[in-house]
Amino acid sequence: GSSGSACTSGSLDPSHVLLGIGLPHELAHGSLRLSLSDFNTEEEVEKVIEVLPGIIKTLRSYSPLYLNHLKEQEKEQTKEQGQK
């Protein structure tokens, strides 16, 4: 279970749950956990859904871990295409 927010845990390590399901370290480290309550409105949720993809794209562009992940993915795809 979860007790408290990720930001108050004092740890910079990625979520052990995300790593446990096989997510690469680079992606798990850049995860975002959102919490909702009974007091959130449908309009608030829709606004988050609207603006979050752009924010994520911007933040990923600053992340050396994510950029390295993309390079590694590209290498793997090139290698797989060469084996066909």
PDB file of N, CA and C in Angstrom:
ATOM      1  N   GLY A   1       0.821  -1.198   0.000  1.00  0.00           N
ATOM      2  CA  GLY A   1       0.000   0.000   0.000  1.00  0.00           C
ATOM      3  C   GLY A   1       0.848   1.238   0.000  1.00  0.00           C
ATOM      4  N   SER A   2       0.226   2.343  -0.144  1.00  0.00           N
ATOM      5  CA  SER A   2       0.910   3.621  -0.204  1.00  0.00           C
ATOM      6  C   SER A   2       0.630   4.400   1.062  1.00  0.00           C
ATOM      7  N   SER A   3       1.676   4.912   1.672  1.00  0.00           N
ATOM      8  CA  SER A   3       1.480   5.744   2.858  1.00  0.00           C
ATOM      9  C   SER A   3       2.204   7.059   2.643  1.00  0.00           C
ATOM     10  N   GLY A   4       1.472   8.107   2.392  1.00  0.00           N
ATOM     11  CA  GLY A   4       2.072   9.408   2.155  1.00  0.00           C
ATOM     12  C   GLY A   4       2.427   9.595   0.703  1.00  0.00           C
ATOM     13  N   SER A   5       2.784  10.814   0.369  1.00  0.00           N
ATOM     14  CA  SER A   5       3.103  11.126  -1.020  1.00  0.00           C
ATOM     15  C   SER A   5       4.529  10.735  -1.350  1.00  0.00           C
ATOM     16  N   ALA A   6       4.774  10.531  -2.628  1.00  0.00           N
ATOM     17  CA  ALA A   6       6.119  10.160  -3.079  1.00  0.00           C
ATOM     18  C   ALA A   6       7.116  11.266  -2.761  1.00  0.00           C
ATOM     19  N   CYS A   7       6.681  12.520  -2.851  1.00  0.00           N
ATOM     20  CA  CYS A   7       7.614  13.631  -2.636  1.00  0.00           C
ATOM     21  C   CYS A   7       8.004  13.768  -1.170  1.00  0.00           C
ATOM     22  N   THR A   8       7.228  13.224  -0.243  1.00  0.00           N
ATOM     23  CA  THR A   8       7.596  13.311   1.167  1.00  0.00           C
ATOM     24  C   THR A   8       8.375  12.096   1.640  1.00  0.00           C
ATOM     25  N   SER A   9       8.608  11.142   0.758  1.00  0.00           N
ATOM     26  CA  SER A   9       9.316   9.928   1.163  1.00  0.00           C
ATOM     27  C   SER A   9      10.805  10.177   1.366  1.00  0.00           C
ATOM     28  N   GLY A  10      11.339  11.263   0.806  1.00  0.00           N
ATOM     29  CA  GLY A  10      12.755  11.563   0.949  1.00  0.00           C
ATOM     30  C   GLY A  10      13.639  10.764   0.016  1.00  0.00           C
ATOM     31  N   SER A  11      13.070  10.011  -0.885  1.00  0.00           N
ATOM     32  CA  SER A  11      13.831   9.166  -1.795  1.00  0.00           C
ATOM     33  C   SER A  11      13.748   9.689  -3.217  1.00  0.00           C
ATOM     34  N   LEU A  12      14.888   9.651  -3.910  1.00  0.00           N
ATOM     35  CA  LEU A  12      14.908  10.012  -5.324  1.00  0.00           C
ATOM     36  C   LEU A  12      14.877   8.775  -6.213  1.00  0.00           C
ATOM     37  N   ASP A  13      14.799   7.613  -5.581  1.00  0.00           N
ATOM     38  CA  ASP A  13      14.759   6.364  -6.341  1.00  0.00           C
ATOM     39  C   ASP A  13      13.414   6.219  -7.046  1.00  0.00           C
ATOM     40  N   PRO A  14      13.426   5.598  -8.228  1.00  0.00           N
ATOM     41  CA  PRO A  14      12.152   5.366  -8.918  1.00  0.00           C
ATOM     42  C   PRO A  14      11.295   4.364  -8.147  1.00  0.00           C
ATOM     43  N   SER A  15      10.029   4.360  -8.441  1.00  0.00           N
ATOM     44  CA  SER A  15       9.075   3.475  -7.779  1.00  0.00           C
ATOM     45  C   SER A  15       9.465   2.009  -7.951  1.00  0.00           C
ATOM     46  N   HIS A  16       9.561   1.295  -6.838  1.00  0.00           N
ATOM     47  CA  HIS A  16       9.874  -0.142  -6.909  1.00  0.00           C
ATOM     48  C   HIS A  16       8.748  -0.907  -7.601  1.00  0.00           C
ATOM     49  N   VAL A  17       7.542  -0.380  -7.528  1.00  0.00           N
ATOM     50  CA  VAL A  17       6.409  -1.029  -8.195  1.00  0.00           C
ATOM     51  C   VAL A  17       6.580  -0.942  -9.708  1.00  0.00           C
ATOM     52  N   LEU A  18       6.930   0.245 -10.210  1.00  0.00           N
ATOM     53  CA  LEU A  18       7.121   0.411 -11.652  1.00  0.00           C
ATOM     54  C   LEU A  18       8.296  -0.417 -12.149  1.00  0.00           C
ATOM     55  N   LEU A  19       9.374  -0.456 -11.373  1.00  0.00           N
ATOM     56  CA  LEU A  19      10.511  -1.301 -11.750  1.00  0.00           C
ATOM     57  C   LEU A  19      10.107  -2.773 -11.716  1.00  0.00           C
ATOM     58  N   GLY A  20       9.280  -3.137 -10.741  1.00  0.00           N
ATOM     59  CA  GLY A  20       8.839  -4.522 -10.584  1.00  0.00           C
ATOM     60  C   GLY A  20       7.998  -5.028 -11.740  1.00  0.00           C
ATOM     61  N   ILE A  21       7.306  -4.123 -12.423  1.00  0.00           N
ATOM     62  CA  ILE A  21       6.508  -4.555 -13.580  1.00  0.00           C
ATOM     63  C   ILE A  21       7.304  -4.463 -14.875  1.00  0.00           C
ATOM     64  N   GLY A  22       8.615  -4.172 -14.736  1.00  0.00           N
ATOM     65  CA  GLY A  22       9.490  -4.215 -15.900  1.00  0.00           C
ATOM     66  C   GLY A  22       9.708  -2.901 -16.616  1.00  0.00           C
ATOM     67  N   LEU A  23       9.241  -1.804 -16.050  1.00  0.00           N
ATOM     68  CA  LEU A  23       9.474  -0.508 -16.678  1.00  0.00           C
ATOM     69  C   LEU A  23      10.955  -0.163 -16.569  1.00  0.00           C
ATOM     70  N   PRO A  24      11.583   0.283 -17.656  1.00  0.00           N
ATOM     71  CA  PRO A  24      12.997   0.654 -17.582  1.00  0.00           C
ATOM     72  C   PRO A  24      13.220   1.769 -16.554  1.00  0.00           C
ATOM     73  N   HIS A  25      14.389   1.761 -15.931  1.00  0.00           N
ATOM     74  CA  HIS A  25      14.737   2.743 -14.903  1.00  0.00           C
ATOM     75  C   HIS A  25      14.496   4.171 -15.388  1.00  0.00           C
ATOM     76  N   GLU A  26      14.874   4.449 -16.643  1.00  0.00           N
ATOM     77  CA  GLU A  26      14.747   5.807 -17.175  1.00  0.00           C
ATOM     78  C   GLU A  26      13.297   6.276 -17.187  1.00  0.00           C
ATOM     79  N   LEU A  27      12.375   5.372 -17.473  1.00  0.00           N
ATOM     80  CA  LEU A  27      10.956   5.738 -17.495  1.00  0.00           C
ATOM     81  C   LEU A  27      10.370   5.747 -16.087  1.00  0.00           C
ATOM     82  N   ALA A  28      10.745   4.771 -15.272  1.00  0.00           N
ATOM     83  CA  ALA A  28      10.235   4.723 -13.901  1.00  0.00           C
ATOM     84  C   ALA A  28      10.689   5.951 -13.116  1.00  0.00           C
ATOM     85  N   HIS A  29      11.900   6.405 -13.377  1.00  0.00           N
ATOM     86  CA  HIS A  29      12.435   7.565 -12.664  1.00  0.00           C
ATOM     87  C   HIS A  29      11.667   8.834 -13.016  1.00  0.00           C
ATOM     88  N   GLY A  30      11.091   8.880 -14.181  1.00  0.00           N
ATOM     89  CA  GLY A  30      10.350  10.061 -14.607  1.00  0.00           C
ATOM     90  C   GLY A  30       8.855   9.929 -14.432  1.00  0.00           C
ATOM     91  N   SER A  31       8.434   9.034 -13.564  1.00  0.00           N
ATOM     92  CA  SER A  31       6.997   8.805 -13.398  1.00  0.00           C
ATOM     93  C   SER A  31       6.336   9.947 -12.630  1.00  0.00           C
ATOM     94  N   LEU A  32       5.053  10.032 -12.804  1.00  0.00           N
ATOM     95  CA  LEU A  32       4.243  11.052 -12.143  1.00  0.00           C
ATOM     96  C   LEU A  32       3.053  10.361 -11.507  1.00  0.00           C
ATOM     97  N   ARG A  33       2.850  10.624 -10.239  1.00  0.00           N
ATOM     98  CA  ARG A  33       1.714  10.028  -9.536  1.00  0.00           C
ATOM     99  C   ARG A  33       0.719  11.128  -9.203  1.00  0.00           C
ATOM    100  N   LEU A  34      -0.505  10.946  -9.655  1.00  0.00           N
ATOM    101  CA  LEU A  34      -1.567  11.904  -9.390  1.00  0.00           C
ATOM    102  C   LEU A  34      -2.562  11.294  -8.422  1.00  0.00           C
ATOM    103  N   SER A  35      -3.058  12.101  -7.526  1.00  0.00           N
ATOM    104  CA  SER A  35      -4.080  11.645  -6.585  1.00  0.00           C
ATOM    105  C   SER A  35      -5.331  12.480  -6.764  1.00  0.00           C
ATOM    106  N   LEU A  36      -6.445  11.819  -6.701  1.00  0.00           N
ATOM    107  CA  LEU A  36      -7.742  12.487  -6.802  1.00  0.00           C
ATOM    108  C   LEU A  36      -8.530  12.236  -5.525  1.00  0.00           C
ATOM    109  N   SER A  37      -9.491  13.108  -5.289  1.00  0.00           N
ATOM    110  CA  SER A  37     -10.367  12.921  -4.135  1.00  0.00           C
ATOM    111  C   SER A  37     -11.809  13.129  -4.564  1.00  0.00           C
ATOM    112  N   ASP A  38     -12.687  12.923  -3.640  1.00  0.00           N
ATOM    113  CA  ASP A  38     -14.106  13.156  -3.912  1.00  0.00           C
ATOM    114  C   ASP A  38     -14.385  14.618  -4.241  1.00  0.00           C
ATOM    115  N   PHE A  39     -13.464  15.496  -3.891  1.00  0.00           N
ATOM    116  CA  PHE A  39     -13.676  16.926  -4.091  1.00  0.00           C
ATOM    117  C   PHE A  39     -13.222  17.422  -5.460  1.00  0.00           C
ATOM    118  N   ASN A  40     -12.495  16.591  -6.213  1.00  0.00           N
ATOM    119  CA  ASN A  40     -12.106  16.983  -7.568  1.00  0.00           C
ATOM    120  C   ASN A  40     -13.326  16.946  -8.474  1.00  0.00           C
ATOM    121  N   THR A  41     -13.396  17.942  -9.358  1.00  0.00           N
ATOM    122  CA  THR A  41     -14.519  18.003 -10.291  1.00  0.00           C
ATOM    123  C   THR A  41     -14.134  17.351 -11.611  1.00  0.00           C
ATOM    124  N   GLU A  42     -15.126  17.000 -12.378  1.00  0.00           N
ATOM    125  CA  GLU A  42     -14.889  16.439 -13.707  1.00  0.00           C
ATOM    126  C   GLU A  42     -14.136  17.447 -14.566  1.00  0.00           C
ATOM    127  N   GLU A  43     -14.449  18.722 -14.402  1.00  0.00           N
ATOM    128  CA  GLU A  43     -13.774  19.773 -15.176  1.00  0.00           C
ATOM    129  C   GLU A  43     -12.283  19.830 -14.844  1.00  0.00           C
ATOM    130  N   GLU A  44     -11.938  19.652 -13.573  1.00  0.00           N
ATOM    131  CA  GLU A  44     -10.527  19.647 -13.181  1.00  0.00           C
ATOM    132  C   GLU A  44      -9.794  18.471 -13.816  1.00  0.00           C
ATOM    133  N   VAL A  45     -10.405  17.322 -13.791  1.00  0.00           N
ATOM    134  CA  VAL A  45      -9.796  16.131 -14.389  1.00  0.00           C
ATOM    135  C   VAL A  45      -9.624  16.334 -15.889  1.00  0.00           C
ATOM    136  N   GLU A  46     -10.633  16.860 -16.548  1.00  0.00           N
ATOM    137  CA  GLU A  46     -10.545  17.113 -17.989  1.00  0.00           C
ATOM    138  C   GLU A  46      -9.439  18.115 -18.306  1.00  0.00           C
ATOM    139  N   LYS A  47      -9.261  19.120 -17.457  1.00  0.00           N
ATOM    140  CA  LYS A  47      -8.202  20.117 -17.677  1.00  0.00           C
ATOM    141  C   LYS A  47      -6.825  19.466 -17.564  1.00  0.00           C
ATOM    142  N   VAL A  48      -6.651  18.615 -16.571  1.00  0.00           N
ATOM    143  CA  VAL A  48      -5.372  17.907 -16.416  1.00  0.00           C
ATOM    144  C   VAL A  48      -5.103  17.048 -17.646  1.00  0.00           C
ATOM    145  N   ILE A  49      -6.115  16.331 -18.111  1.00  0.00           N
ATOM    146  CA  ILE A  49      -5.969  15.489 -19.303  1.00  0.00           C
ATOM    147  C   ILE A  49      -5.597  16.337 -20.514  1.00  0.00           C
ATOM    148  N   GLU A  50      -6.110  17.538 -20.570  1.00  0.00           N
ATOM    149  CA  GLU A  50      -5.833  18.438 -21.695  1.00  0.00           C
ATOM    150  C   GLU A  50      -4.402  18.975 -21.674  1.00  0.00           C
ATOM    151  N   VAL A  51      -3.925  19.406 -20.502  1.00  0.00           N
ATOM    152  CA  VAL A  51      -2.629  20.094 -20.447  1.00  0.00           C
ATOM    153  C   VAL A  51      -1.451  19.178 -20.139  1.00  0.00           C
ATOM    154  N   LEU A  52      -1.694  18.038 -19.526  1.00  0.00           N
ATOM    155  CA  LEU A  52      -0.595  17.180 -19.084  1.00  0.00           C
ATOM    156  C   LEU A  52       0.311  16.671 -20.207  1.00  0.00           C
ATOM    157  N   PRO A  53      -0.204  16.235 -21.350  1.00  0.00           N
ATOM    158  CA  PRO A  53       0.707  15.756 -22.400  1.00  0.00           C
ATOM    159  C   PRO A  53       1.758  16.787 -22.827  1.00  0.00           C
ATOM    160  N   GLY A  54       1.381  18.045 -22.946  1.00  0.00           N
ATOM    161  CA  GLY A  54       2.342  19.081 -23.315  1.00  0.00           C
ATOM    162  C   GLY A  54       3.386  19.309 -22.238  1.00  0.00           C
ATOM    163  N   ILE A  55       2.957  19.264 -20.988  1.00  0.00           N
ATOM    164  CA  ILE A  55       3.888  19.433 -19.869  1.00  0.00           C
ATOM    165  C   ILE A  55       4.868  18.269 -19.830  1.00  0.00           C
ATOM    166  N   ILE A  56       4.366  17.058 -20.019  1.00  0.00           N
ATOM    167  CA  ILE A  56       5.233  15.872 -20.018  1.00  0.00           C
ATOM    168  C   ILE A  56       6.255  15.959 -21.147  1.00  0.00           C
ATOM    169  N   LYS A  57       5.817  16.369 -22.320  1.00  0.00           N
ATOM    170  CA  LYS A  57       6.734  16.497 -23.459  1.00  0.00           C
ATOM    171  C   LYS A  57       7.856  17.485 -23.143  1.00  0.00           C
ATOM    172  N   THR A  58       7.497  18.614 -22.547  1.00  0.00           N
ATOM    173  CA  THR A  58       8.501  19.618 -22.182  1.00  0.00           C
ATOM    174  C   THR A  58       9.474  19.069 -21.152  1.00  0.00           C
ATOM    175  N   LEU A  59       8.961  18.448 -20.106  1.00  0.00           N
ATOM    176  CA  LEU A  59       9.832  17.915 -19.058  1.00  0.00           C
ATOM    177  C   LEU A  59      10.745  16.816 -19.589  1.00  0.00           C
ATOM    178  N   ARG A  60      10.219  15.956 -20.457  1.00  0.00           N
ATOM    179  CA  ARG A  60      11.056  14.896 -21.033  1.00  0.00           C
ATOM    180  C   ARG A  60      12.191  15.475 -21.863  1.00  0.00           C
ATOM    181  N   SER A  61      11.960  16.604 -22.500  1.00  0.00           N
ATOM    182  CA  SER A  61      13.013  17.213 -23.319  1.00  0.00           C
ATOM    183  C   SER A  61      14.178  17.700 -22.462  1.00  0.00           C
ATOM    184  N   TYR A  62      13.951  17.895 -21.162  1.00  0.00           N
ATOM    185  CA  TYR A  62      15.008  18.325 -20.238  1.00  0.00           C
ATOM    186  C   TYR A  62      15.721  17.156 -19.570  1.00  0.00           C
ATOM    187  N   SER A  63      15.202  15.954 -19.735  1.00  0.00           N
ATOM    188  CA  SER A  63      15.685  14.815 -18.971  1.00  0.00           C
ATOM    189  C   SER A  63      16.749  14.025 -19.719  1.00  0.00           C
ATOM    190  N   PRO A  64      18.002  14.054 -19.240  1.00  0.00           N
ATOM    191  CA  PRO A  64      19.038  13.241 -19.881  1.00  0.00           C
ATOM    192  C   PRO A  64      18.709  11.745 -19.808  1.00  0.00           C
ATOM    193  N   LEU A  65      18.064  11.304 -18.732  1.00  0.00           N
ATOM    194  CA  LEU A  65      17.697   9.888 -18.618  1.00  0.00           C
ATOM    195  C   LEU A  65      16.712   9.496 -19.704  1.00  0.00           C
ATOM    196  N   TYR A  66      15.714  10.337 -19.942  1.00  0.00           N
ATOM    197  CA  TYR A  66      14.709  10.013 -20.955  1.00  0.00           C
ATOM    198  C   TYR A  66      15.317  10.077 -22.353  1.00  0.00           C
ATOM    199  N   LEU A  67      16.142  11.087 -22.605  1.00  0.00           N
ATOM    200  CA  LEU A  67      16.777  11.208 -23.923  1.00  0.00           C
ATOM    201  C   LEU A  67      17.682  10.009 -24.190  1.00  0.00           C
ATOM    202  N   ASN A  68      18.382   9.534 -23.161  1.00  0.00           N
ATOM    203  CA  ASN A  68      19.214   8.335 -23.293  1.00  0.00           C
ATOM    204  C   ASN A  68      18.338   7.115 -23.586  1.00  0.00           C
ATOM    205  N   HIS A  69      17.194   7.029 -22.929  1.00  0.00           N
ATOM    206  CA  HIS A  69      16.260   5.923 -23.177  1.00  0.00           C
ATOM    207  C   HIS A  69      15.825   5.912 -24.640  1.00  0.00           C
ATOM    208  N   LEU A  70      15.514   7.081 -25.187  1.00  0.00           N
ATOM    209  CA  LEU A  70      15.100   7.163 -26.591  1.00  0.00           C
ATOM    210  C   LEU A  70      16.210   6.703 -27.525  1.00  0.00           C
ATOM    211  N   LYS A  71      17.455   7.100 -27.223  1.00  0.00           N
ATOM    212  CA  LYS A  71      18.594   6.681 -28.049  1.00  0.00           C
ATOM    213  C   LYS A  71      18.763   5.164 -28.007  1.00  0.00           C
ATOM    214  N   GLU A  72      18.642   4.591 -26.818  1.00  0.00           N
ATOM    215  CA  GLU A  72      18.775   3.139 -26.671  1.00  0.00           C
ATOM    216  C   GLU A  72      17.655   2.409 -27.417  1.00  0.00           C
ATOM    217  N   GLN A  73      16.453   2.947 -27.340  1.00  0.00           N
ATOM    218  CA  GLN A  73      15.318   2.356 -28.050  1.00  0.00           C
ATOM    219  C   GLN A  73      15.561   2.384 -29.556  1.00  0.00           C
ATOM    220  N   GLU A  74      16.087   3.497 -30.027  1.00  0.00           N
ATOM    221  CA  GLU A  74      16.380   3.655 -31.457  1.00  0.00           C
ATOM    222  C   GLU A  74      17.429   2.636 -31.906  1.00  0.00           C
ATOM    223  N   LYS A  75      18.464   2.433 -31.077  1.00  0.00           N
ATOM    224  CA  LYS A  75      19.500   1.448 -31.395  1.00  0.00           C
ATOM    225  C   LYS A  75      18.904   0.048 -31.497  1.00  0.00           C
ATOM    226  N   GLU A  76      18.034  -0.295 -30.545  1.00  0.00           N
ATOM    227  CA  GLU A  76      17.393  -1.612 -30.547  1.00  0.00           C
ATOM    228  C   GLU A  76      16.545  -1.812 -31.795  1.00  0.00           C
ATOM    229  N   GLN A  77      15.790  -0.791 -32.181  1.00  0.00           N
ATOM    230  CA  GLN A  77      14.948  -0.895 -33.372  1.00  0.00           C
ATOM    231  C   GLN A  77      15.798  -1.065 -34.620  1.00  0.00           C
ATOM    232  N   THR A  78      16.910  -0.343 -34.692  1.00  0.00           N
ATOM    233  CA  THR A  78      17.812  -0.452 -35.837  1.00  0.00           C
ATOM    234  C   THR A  78      18.409  -1.854 -35.894  1.00  0.00           C
ATOM    235  N   LYS A  79      18.806  -2.375 -34.726  1.00  0.00           N
ATOM    236  CA  LYS A  79      19.379  -3.720 -34.652  1.00  0.00           C
ATOM    237  C   LYS A  79      18.353  -4.768 -35.090  1.00  0.00           C
ATOM    238  N   GLU A  80      17.106  -4.634 -34.623  1.00  0.00           N
ATOM    239  CA  GLU A  80      16.045  -5.582 -34.989  1.00  0.00           C
ATOM    240  C   GLU A  80      15.751  -5.535 -36.482  1.00  0.00           C
ATOM    241  N   GLN A  81      15.763  -4.355 -37.065  1.00  0.00           N
ATOM    242  CA  GLN A  81      15.503  -4.219 -38.500  1.00  0.00           C
ATOM    243  C   GLN A  81      16.625  -4.845 -39.312  1.00  0.00           C
ATOM    244  N   GLY A  82      17.846  -4.781 -38.799  1.00  0.00           N
ATOM    245  CA  GLY A  82      18.982  -5.380 -39.484  1.00  0.00           C
ATOM    246  C   GLY A  82      18.957  -6.894 -39.452  1.00  0.00           C
ATOM    247  N   GLN A  83      18.258  -7.470 -38.475  1.00  0.00           N
ATOM    248  CA  GLN A  83      18.187  -8.926 -38.338  1.00  0.00           C
ATOM    249  C   GLN A  83      17.090  -9.533 -39.191  1.00  0.00           C
ATOM    250  N   LYS A  84      16.209  -8.723 -39.740  1.00  0.00           N
ATOM    251  CA  LYS A  84      15.089  -9.246 -40.542  1.00  0.00           C
ATOM    252  C   LYS A  84      15.515  -9.561 -41.940  1.00  0.00           C
TER     253      LYS A  84
END
